[in-house]
Amino acid sequence: MFHADLIGLEEVRRRMSEFAANPHGDPGYWTPAPLLDRLANSGGSFTSLG
């Protein structure tokens, strides 16, 4: 969670989308959790939750 906050949740979500697009991967595995989506959309962070 610290590393995700450090690089930015929008960047984490963007990279997850890239991994999901890999034809040899499992797109379901790379679907962001609702909390990650919500925080990325609002510009929040995991640190801000605590």
PDB file of N, CA and C in Angstrom:
ATOM      1  N   MET A   1       0.820  -1.170   0.000  1.00  0.00           N
ATOM      2  CA  MET A   1       0.000   0.000   0.000  1.00  0.00           C
ATOM      3  C   MET A   1       0.880   1.256   0.000  1.00  0.00           C
ATOM      4  N   PHE A   2       1.966   1.214   0.737  1.00  0.00           N
ATOM      5  CA  PHE A   2       2.881   2.360   0.769  1.00  0.00           C
ATOM      6  C   PHE A   2       3.428   2.635  -0.625  1.00  0.00           C
ATOM      7  N   HIS A   3       3.851   1.581  -1.303  1.00  0.00           N
ATOM      8  CA  HIS A   3       4.413   1.758  -2.651  1.00  0.00           C
ATOM      9  C   HIS A   3       3.351   2.284  -3.614  1.00  0.00           C
ATOM     10  N   ALA A   4       2.130   1.784  -3.517  1.00  0.00           N
ATOM     11  CA  ALA A   4       1.047   2.266  -4.375  1.00  0.00           C
ATOM     12  C   ALA A   4       0.815   3.761  -4.136  1.00  0.00           C
ATOM     13  N   ASP A   5       0.802   4.180  -2.879  1.00  0.00           N
ATOM     14  CA  ASP A   5       0.654   5.601  -2.576  1.00  0.00           C
ATOM     15  C   ASP A   5       1.828   6.402  -3.122  1.00  0.00           C
ATOM     16  N   LEU A   6       3.005   5.833  -3.040  1.00  0.00           N
ATOM     17  CA  LEU A   6       4.204   6.526  -3.487  1.00  0.00           C
ATOM     18  C   LEU A   6       4.173   6.803  -4.986  1.00  0.00           C
ATOM     19  N   ILE A   7       3.762   5.828  -5.777  1.00  0.00           N
ATOM     20  CA  ILE A   7       3.752   6.046  -7.232  1.00  0.00           C
ATOM     21  C   ILE A   7       2.435   6.629  -7.723  1.00  0.00           C
ATOM     22  N   GLY A   8       1.414   6.598  -6.898  1.00  0.00           N
ATOM     23  CA  GLY A   8       0.114   7.162  -7.256  1.00  0.00           C
ATOM     24  C   GLY A   8      -0.868   6.078  -7.666  1.00  0.00           C
ATOM     25  N   LEU A   9      -2.054   6.153  -7.132  1.00  0.00           N
ATOM     26  CA  LEU A   9      -3.048   5.114  -7.382  1.00  0.00           C
ATOM     27  C   LEU A   9      -3.546   5.130  -8.820  1.00  0.00           C
ATOM     28  N   GLU A  10      -3.567   6.296  -9.438  1.00  0.00           N
ATOM     29  CA  GLU A  10      -3.950   6.360 -10.851  1.00  0.00           C
ATOM     30  C   GLU A  10      -2.931   5.603 -11.705  1.00  0.00           C
ATOM     31  N   GLU A  11      -1.658   5.737 -11.369  1.00  0.00           N
ATOM     32  CA  GLU A  11      -0.605   5.007 -12.092  1.00  0.00           C
ATOM     33  C   GLU A  11      -0.730   3.506 -11.853  1.00  0.00           C
ATOM     34  N   VAL A  12      -1.023   3.107 -10.636  1.00  0.00           N
ATOM     35  CA  VAL A  12      -1.221   1.681 -10.329  1.00  0.00           C
ATOM     36  C   VAL A  12      -2.365   1.134 -11.175  1.00  0.00           C
ATOM     37  N   ARG A  13      -3.457   1.867 -11.215  1.00  0.00           N
ATOM     38  CA  ARG A  13      -4.609   1.415 -11.994  1.00  0.00           C
ATOM     39  C   ARG A  13      -4.291   1.366 -13.485  1.00  0.00           C
ATOM     40  N   ARG A  14      -3.540   2.335 -13.980  1.00  0.00           N
ATOM     41  CA  ARG A  14      -3.141   2.341 -15.398  1.00  0.00           C
ATOM     42  C   ARG A  14      -2.298   1.116 -15.731  1.00  0.00           C
ATOM     43  N   ARG A  15      -1.349   0.792 -14.871  1.00  0.00           N
ATOM     44  CA  ARG A  15      -0.489  -0.377 -15.104  1.00  0.00           C
ATOM     45  C   ARG A  15      -1.293  -1.671 -15.020  1.00  0.00           C
ATOM     46  N   MET A  16      -2.245  -1.731 -14.108  1.00  0.00           N
ATOM     47  CA  MET A  16      -3.099  -2.919 -14.011  1.00  0.00           C
ATOM     48  C   MET A  16      -3.870  -3.121 -15.311  1.00  0.00           C
ATOM     49  N   SER A  17      -4.323  -2.032 -15.920  1.00  0.00           N
ATOM     50  CA  SER A  17      -5.029  -2.122 -17.200  1.00  0.00           C
ATOM     51  C   SER A  17      -4.113  -2.661 -18.289  1.00  0.00           C
ATOM     52  N   GLU A  18      -2.853  -2.243 -18.269  1.00  0.00           N
ATOM     53  CA  GLU A  18      -1.884  -2.758 -19.244  1.00  0.00           C
ATOM     54  C   GLU A  18      -1.683  -4.259 -19.063  1.00  0.00           C
ATOM     55  N   PHE A  19      -1.545  -4.698 -17.822  1.00  0.00           N
ATOM     56  CA  PHE A  19      -1.372  -6.132 -17.562  1.00  0.00           C
ATOM     57  C   PHE A  19      -2.622  -6.914 -17.979  1.00  0.00           C
ATOM     58  N   ALA A  20      -3.800  -6.350 -17.733  1.00  0.00           N
ATOM     59  CA  ALA A  20      -5.048  -7.017 -18.092  1.00  0.00           C
ATOM     60  C   ALA A  20      -5.185  -7.176 -19.598  1.00  0.00           C
ATOM     61  N   ALA A  21      -4.581  -6.267 -20.359  1.00  0.00           N
ATOM     62  CA  ALA A  21      -4.674  -6.316 -21.817  1.00  0.00           C
ATOM     63  C   ALA A  21      -3.739  -7.355 -22.432  1.00  0.00           C
ATOM     64  N   ASN A  22      -2.850  -7.924 -21.650  1.00  0.00           N
ATOM     65  CA  ASN A  22      -1.925  -8.936 -22.149  1.00  0.00           C
ATOM     66  C   ASN A  22      -2.732 -10.160 -22.589  1.00  0.00           C
ATOM     67  N   PRO A  23      -2.580 -10.572 -23.850  1.00  0.00           N
ATOM     68  CA  PRO A  23      -3.374 -11.708 -24.329  1.00  0.00           C
ATOM     69  C   PRO A  23      -3.061 -13.024 -23.620  1.00  0.00           C
ATOM     70  N   HIS A  24      -1.940 -13.111 -22.950  1.00  0.00           N
ATOM     71  CA  HIS A  24      -1.567 -14.335 -22.236  1.00  0.00           C
ATOM     72  C   HIS A  24      -1.889 -14.251 -20.743  1.00  0.00           C
ATOM     73  N   GLY A  25      -2.455 -13.122 -20.325  1.00  0.00           N
ATOM     74  CA  GLY A  25      -2.738 -12.922 -18.911  1.00  0.00           C
ATOM     75  C   GLY A  25      -4.173 -13.248 -18.549  1.00  0.00           C
ATOM     76  N   ASP A  26      -4.512 -12.946 -17.334  1.00  0.00           N
ATOM     77  CA  ASP A  26      -5.854 -13.174 -16.807  1.00  0.00           C
ATOM     78  C   ASP A  26      -6.455 -11.811 -16.455  1.00  0.00           C
ATOM     79  N   PRO A  27      -7.293 -11.259 -17.337  1.00  0.00           N
ATOM     80  CA  PRO A  27      -7.841  -9.917 -17.092  1.00  0.00           C
ATOM     81  C   PRO A  27      -8.603  -9.807 -15.774  1.00  0.00           C
ATOM     82  N   GLY A  28      -9.271 -10.863 -15.365  1.00  0.00           N
ATOM     83  CA  GLY A  28     -10.012 -10.823 -14.111  1.00  0.00           C
ATOM     84  C   GLY A  28      -9.109 -10.611 -12.911  1.00  0.00           C
ATOM     85  N   TYR A  29      -7.914 -11.162 -12.984  1.00  0.00           N
ATOM     86  CA  TYR A  29      -6.952 -11.011 -11.892  1.00  0.00           C
ATOM     87  C   TYR A  29      -6.540  -9.546 -11.746  1.00  0.00           C
ATOM     88  N   TRP A  30      -6.467  -8.838 -12.861  1.00  0.00           N
ATOM     89  CA  TRP A  30      -5.975  -7.468 -12.858  1.00  0.00           C
ATOM     90  C   TRP A  30      -7.079  -6.421 -12.753  1.00  0.00           C
ATOM     91  N   THR A  31      -8.298  -6.830 -12.444  1.00  0.00           N
ATOM     92  CA  THR A  31      -9.385  -5.877 -12.235  1.00  0.00           C
ATOM     93  C   THR A  31      -9.168  -5.169 -10.901  1.00  0.00           C
ATOM     94  N   PRO A  32      -9.099  -3.829 -10.919  1.00  0.00           N
ATOM     95  CA  PRO A  32      -8.877  -3.107  -9.659  1.00  0.00           C
ATOM     96  C   PRO A  32     -10.024  -3.305  -8.673  1.00  0.00           C
ATOM     97  N   ALA A  33      -9.687  -3.357  -7.413  1.00  0.00           N
ATOM     98  CA  ALA A  33     -10.689  -3.442  -6.352  1.00  0.00           C
ATOM     99  C   ALA A  33     -11.492  -2.135  -6.328  1.00  0.00           C
ATOM    100  N   PRO A  34     -12.737  -2.204  -5.883  1.00  0.00           N
ATOM    101  CA  PRO A  34     -13.554  -0.983  -5.810  1.00  0.00           C
ATOM    102  C   PRO A  34     -12.896   0.141  -4.997  1.00  0.00           C
ATOM    103  N   LEU A  35     -12.220  -0.213  -3.918  1.00  0.00           N
ATOM    104  CA  LEU A  35     -11.562   0.816  -3.111  1.00  0.00           C
ATOM    105  C   LEU A  35     -10.463   1.511  -3.900  1.00  0.00           C
ATOM    106  N   LEU A  36      -9.670   0.754  -4.627  1.00  0.00           N
ATOM    107  CA  LEU A  36      -8.610   1.356  -5.438  1.00  0.00           C
ATOM    108  C   LEU A  36      -9.217   2.279  -6.487  1.00  0.00           C
ATOM    109  N   ASP A  37     -10.261   1.842  -7.155  1.00  0.00           N
ATOM    110  CA  ASP A  37     -10.937   2.683  -8.144  1.00  0.00           C
ATOM    111  C   ASP A  37     -11.442   3.977  -7.523  1.00  0.00           C
ATOM    112  N   ARG A  38     -12.108   3.851  -6.385  1.00  0.00           N
ATOM    113  CA  ARG A  38     -12.671   5.032  -5.728  1.00  0.00           C
ATOM    114  C   ARG A  38     -11.579   6.022  -5.332  1.00  0.00           C
ATOM    115  N   LEU A  39     -10.509   5.511  -4.733  1.00  0.00           N
ATOM    116  CA  LEU A  39      -9.426   6.400  -4.314  1.00  0.00           C
ATOM    117  C   LEU A  39      -8.714   7.020  -5.511  1.00  0.00           C
ATOM    118  N   ALA A  40      -8.485   6.244  -6.560  1.00  0.00           N
ATOM    119  CA  ALA A  40      -7.832   6.779  -7.754  1.00  0.00           C
ATOM    120  C   ALA A  40      -8.698   7.864  -8.397  1.00  0.00           C
ATOM    121  N   ASN A  41      -9.998   7.647  -8.446  1.00  0.00           N
ATOM    122  CA  ASN A  41     -10.912   8.633  -9.040  1.00  0.00           C
ATOM    123  C   ASN A  41     -10.937   9.933  -8.261  1.00  0.00           C
ATOM    124  N   SER A  42     -10.793   9.838  -6.947  1.00  0.00           N
ATOM    125  CA  SER A  42     -10.885  11.040  -6.110  1.00  0.00           C
ATOM    126  C   SER A  42      -9.524  11.669  -5.824  1.00  0.00           C
ATOM    127  N   GLY A  43      -8.456  11.050  -6.320  1.00  0.00           N
ATOM    128  CA  GLY A  43      -7.123  11.576  -6.043  1.00  0.00           C
ATOM    129  C   GLY A  43      -6.654  11.255  -4.632  1.00  0.00           C
ATOM    130  N   GLY A  44      -7.288  10.290  -4.006  1.00  0.00           N
ATOM    131  CA  GLY A  44      -6.954   9.913  -2.634  1.00  0.00           C
ATOM    132  C   GLY A  44      -5.780   8.958  -2.566  1.00  0.00           C
ATOM    133  N   SER A  45      -5.549   8.465  -1.360  1.00  0.00           N
ATOM    134  CA  SER A  45      -4.461   7.533  -1.114  1.00  0.00           C
ATOM    135  C   SER A  45      -4.876   6.570  -0.003  1.00  0.00           C
ATOM    136  N   PHE A  46      -4.148   5.469   0.112  1.00  0.00           N
ATOM    137  CA  PHE A  46      -4.426   4.533   1.200  1.00  0.00           C
ATOM    138  C   PHE A  46      -4.071   5.170   2.546  1.00  0.00           C
ATOM    139  N   THR A  47      -3.041   6.006   2.555  1.00  0.00           N
ATOM    140  CA  THR A  47      -2.623   6.673   3.789  1.00  0.00           C
ATOM    141  C   THR A  47      -3.726   7.568   4.331  1.00  0.00           C
ATOM    142  N   SER A  48      -4.484   8.187   3.431  1.00  0.00           N
ATOM    143  CA  SER A  48      -5.535   9.098   3.869  1.00  0.00           C
ATOM    144  C   SER A  48      -6.676   8.381   4.594  1.00  0.00           C
ATOM    145  N   LEU A  49      -6.739   7.063   4.469  1.00  0.00           N
ATOM    146  CA  LEU A  49      -7.802   6.308   5.124  1.00  0.00           C
ATOM    147  C   LEU A  49      -7.567   6.133   6.618  1.00  0.00           C
ATOM    148  N   GLY A  50      -6.305   6.159   7.025  1.00  0.00           N
ATOM    149  CA  GLY A  50      -5.988   5.854   8.408  1.00  0.00           C
ATOM    150  C   GLY A  50      -5.808   7.044   9.227  1.00  0.00           C
TER     151      GLY A  50
END
